[in-house]
Protein backbone atom coordinates (compact mmCIF):
# COMPACT_ATOMS: atom_id res chain seq x y z
CA SER A 1 82.17 98.89 107.18
CA ILE A 2 83.07 95.46 109.20
CA SER A 3 83.45 96.39 112.34
CA PRO A 4 85.99 94.33 114.82
CA SER A 5 83.09 92.40 116.58
CA TYR A 6 82.11 90.37 113.04
CA LEU A 7 85.96 89.84 112.37
CA LEU A 8 85.74 88.12 115.49
CA SER A 9 82.35 86.23 115.43
CA TYR A 10 83.38 84.79 112.47
CA ILE A 11 86.07 82.99 113.31
CA LEU A 12 85.16 82.06 117.48
CA SER A 13 81.64 81.43 117.20
CA PRO A 14 80.43 78.12 116.77
CA SER A 15 78.50 77.88 113.57
CA GLU A 16 75.74 75.89 115.07
CA ASP A 17 74.99 79.00 117.44
CA PRO A 18 71.43 80.43 115.50
CA LYS A 19 73.09 83.96 116.07
CA TYR A 20 76.07 82.85 114.01
CA HIS A 21 74.95 83.63 110.81
CA LEU A 22 73.54 87.05 111.69
CA LEU A 23 77.26 88.30 113.37
CA THR A 24 78.94 86.81 110.21
CA GLN A 25 76.30 88.66 107.11
CA HIS A 26 78.76 91.79 107.09
CA LEU A 27 81.36 89.06 106.18
CA ASP A 28 79.37 87.07 104.24
CA ASN A 29 78.48 89.78 102.02
CA TRP A 30 82.24 90.92 101.76
CA ILE A 31 83.52 87.87 100.73
CA HIS A 32 80.50 87.42 98.00
CA HIS A 33 81.18 90.81 96.59
CA TRP A 34 84.78 90.03 96.09
CA ASN A 35 83.80 86.95 94.43
CA SER A 36 81.79 88.89 92.09
CA ILE A 37 84.25 91.09 91.42
CA SER A 38 87.42 88.19 90.40
CA ALA A 39 84.33 87.08 88.28
CA TRP A 40 83.23 89.93 86.05
CA VAL A 41 87.04 90.94 85.61
CA THR A 42 86.94 86.59 83.79
CA SER A 43 83.56 87.58 82.73
CA GLU A 44 84.74 90.98 80.66
CA ILE A 45 87.89 89.61 79.48
CA LEU A 46 85.81 86.68 77.81
CA ARG A 47 82.89 88.54 76.63
CA ASP A 48 84.68 89.37 73.22
CA GLU A 49 85.50 86.74 70.47
CA ASN A 50 88.49 88.70 68.80
CA PRO A 51 91.61 88.55 70.37
CA ARG A 52 92.86 91.71 69.97
CA GLN A 53 89.91 93.14 71.92
CA ARG A 54 90.57 91.11 74.70
CA ALA A 55 93.90 91.94 74.70
CA VAL A 56 92.83 96.02 74.75
CA LYS A 57 90.32 94.55 77.61
CA ILE A 58 92.99 93.34 79.56
CA GLU A 59 95.33 96.47 79.15
CA ARG A 60 92.36 98.12 80.52
CA LEU A 61 91.75 95.96 83.05
CA ILE A 62 95.62 96.22 83.90
CA ASP A 63 95.60 99.96 84.54
CA ILE A 64 92.66 99.61 86.32
CA ALA A 65 94.48 97.56 88.83
CA LYS A 66 97.54 98.84 89.02
CA GLN A 67 94.98 102.22 90.40
CA LEU A 68 93.84 100.14 92.66
CA LYS A 69 97.65 99.08 94.46
CA GLN A 70 97.67 103.19 94.23
CA LEU A 71 94.90 103.31 96.19
CA PHE A 72 95.52 101.37 98.98
CA SER A 73 92.20 98.93 97.65
CA PHE A 74 94.20 95.56 98.38
CA ASN A 75 91.14 93.40 98.21
CA THR A 76 90.16 94.50 94.80
CA LEU A 77 93.32 94.50 93.85
CA TYR A 78 93.64 90.44 94.66
CA ALA A 79 90.11 89.69 93.32
CA PHE A 80 91.32 91.56 90.02
CA VAL A 81 94.63 89.28 90.21
CA THR A 82 92.88 86.86 90.52
CA GLY A 83 90.54 86.91 88.05
CA PHE A 84 93.24 87.10 85.62
CA ASN A 85 94.33 83.90 86.56
CA HIS A 86 91.53 82.05 85.93
CA SER A 87 92.53 79.45 83.60
CA SER A 88 89.93 80.42 81.14
CA VAL A 89 91.85 83.72 80.85
CA MET A 90 95.58 82.16 81.42
CA ARG A 91 94.65 79.36 78.12
CA LEU A 92 94.11 82.56 76.12
CA LYS A 93 97.52 82.15 73.89
CA LYS A 94 96.28 84.46 70.75
CA THR A 95 94.70 87.65 73.21
CA TRP A 96 98.37 87.02 75.39
CA ASP A 97 100.11 87.22 72.43
CA HIS A 98 98.62 90.90 71.53
CA VAL A 99 98.49 92.41 74.73
CA LYS A 100 101.58 94.69 75.08
CA SER A 101 104.91 93.35 76.86
CA SER A 102 104.36 96.65 79.19
CA SER A 103 101.10 95.66 80.50
CA GLN A 104 102.47 92.03 80.31
CA THR A 105 105.30 93.32 83.42
CA SER A 106 103.01 95.47 84.99
CA LEU A 107 100.32 92.04 85.25
CA ASN A 108 103.53 90.02 86.62
CA ASP A 109 104.47 92.45 89.15
CA LEU A 110 100.82 92.95 90.40
CA GLU A 111 101.08 89.17 90.52
CA GLU A 112 104.02 89.37 92.46
CA PHE A 113 102.79 91.60 94.83
CA MET A 114 100.37 89.77 95.80
CA SER A 115 101.78 85.97 95.65
CA ASN A 116 101.06 83.81 98.83
CA VAL A 117 105.04 83.04 98.47
CA ASP A 118 106.64 83.76 102.17
CA ASN A 119 102.86 84.35 103.72
CA PHE A 120 102.41 87.13 101.26
CA GLY A 121 105.47 88.54 102.11
CA GLN A 122 105.65 91.45 99.51
CA TYR A 123 101.95 92.61 100.87
CA ARG A 124 102.29 92.51 104.03
CA LYS A 125 105.79 94.72 103.98
CA HIS A 126 104.39 97.31 101.51
CA LEU A 127 101.19 97.33 104.06
CA GLY A 128 103.38 97.41 107.23
CA LYS A 129 105.01 100.85 105.19
CA VAL A 130 101.81 102.25 104.62
CA PRO A 131 101.48 105.40 106.30
CA LYS A 132 98.38 104.54 109.21
CA THR A 133 96.52 107.77 108.15
CA VAL A 134 95.76 106.71 104.52
CA CYS A 135 92.70 105.06 103.74
CA THR A 136 93.24 101.04 103.45
CA ILE A 137 91.46 98.44 102.05
CA PRO A 138 93.34 95.39 103.34
CA LEU A 139 93.23 91.58 102.43
CA LEU A 140 90.50 90.62 104.20
CA SER A 141 90.87 86.90 103.23
CA LEU A 142 94.72 87.35 104.66
CA ILE A 143 93.41 88.43 107.89
CA LEU A 144 90.47 85.91 108.61
CA ARG A 145 92.82 83.34 108.09
CA ASP A 146 95.48 84.69 110.21
CA ILE A 147 92.93 84.87 113.06
CA GLU A 148 91.56 81.42 112.23
CA PHE A 149 95.37 80.18 112.08
CA LEU A 150 96.25 81.74 115.71
CA ASN A 151 92.50 80.21 117.16
CA VAL A 152 93.27 76.59 115.77
CA ASN A 153 96.90 76.10 116.64
CA SER A 154 97.02 77.73 120.46
CA PRO A 155 94.53 76.09 122.97
CA LYS A 156 91.81 77.99 124.68
CA LEU A 157 92.94 77.21 128.29
CA ARG A 158 96.59 76.77 129.30
CA ASN A 159 97.25 74.62 132.75
CA GLY A 160 93.33 75.55 133.27
CA LEU A 161 93.30 78.97 132.62
CA TRP A 162 92.41 81.23 129.77
CA ASN A 163 95.48 81.66 127.43
CA PHE A 164 95.34 85.39 127.37
CA GLY A 165 98.83 85.23 124.89
CA LYS A 166 96.01 83.74 122.22
CA LEU A 167 93.90 86.13 123.23
CA ARG A 168 96.19 89.04 122.32
CA LEU A 169 97.41 88.06 119.22
CA ILE A 170 93.80 87.51 117.95
CA LYS A 171 93.42 90.91 119.26
CA ASN A 172 96.77 92.32 117.27
CA LYS A 173 95.46 91.18 114.45
CA VAL A 174 91.34 92.95 114.79
CA CYS A 175 93.60 95.88 115.58
CA ILE A 176 95.11 96.06 112.40
CA CYS A 177 92.10 95.52 110.53
CA ILE A 178 90.70 98.55 112.25
CA ILE A 179 93.39 100.60 112.07
CA PHE A 180 92.77 100.40 108.39
CA ILE A 181 89.41 100.07 107.72
CA LYS A 182 88.83 104.22 109.68
């Protein structure tokens, strides 16, 4: 589990601080785990040499990705979509010719859902509709990006005083994460 203090430390602490790496170890582990899932999806597809076998595996992985969306595991879903979109997988024309059109349509829907168009608009809209009582794993990289954007693009001080507007916006982003982590 990643606590709000880890999120804030990852963004707000200077990387020269000796405690920085201790504070952010959980996030670094989470990011490494995400990368390993994405690489696993790609390697599982590429493991087979026969295009028909690859197509069957792609269809199974698409079914798993659909289940991830239904389980509100958006962080892992995004890792799967990224694995499918790896250049080594995308250029397997003969393999993709054997993938059922229904599976390809499902994958296109998932890609559109996790697309960065309109600042991940479809994902954000869907996440806003998820009941707060449902266990959800949000897209962590997007939360970190939002916090970083607020941190970099808002001055720390305004007229010599702390910029509480900036701090309030950052707190709201962290609270969104807290709601879904619990």
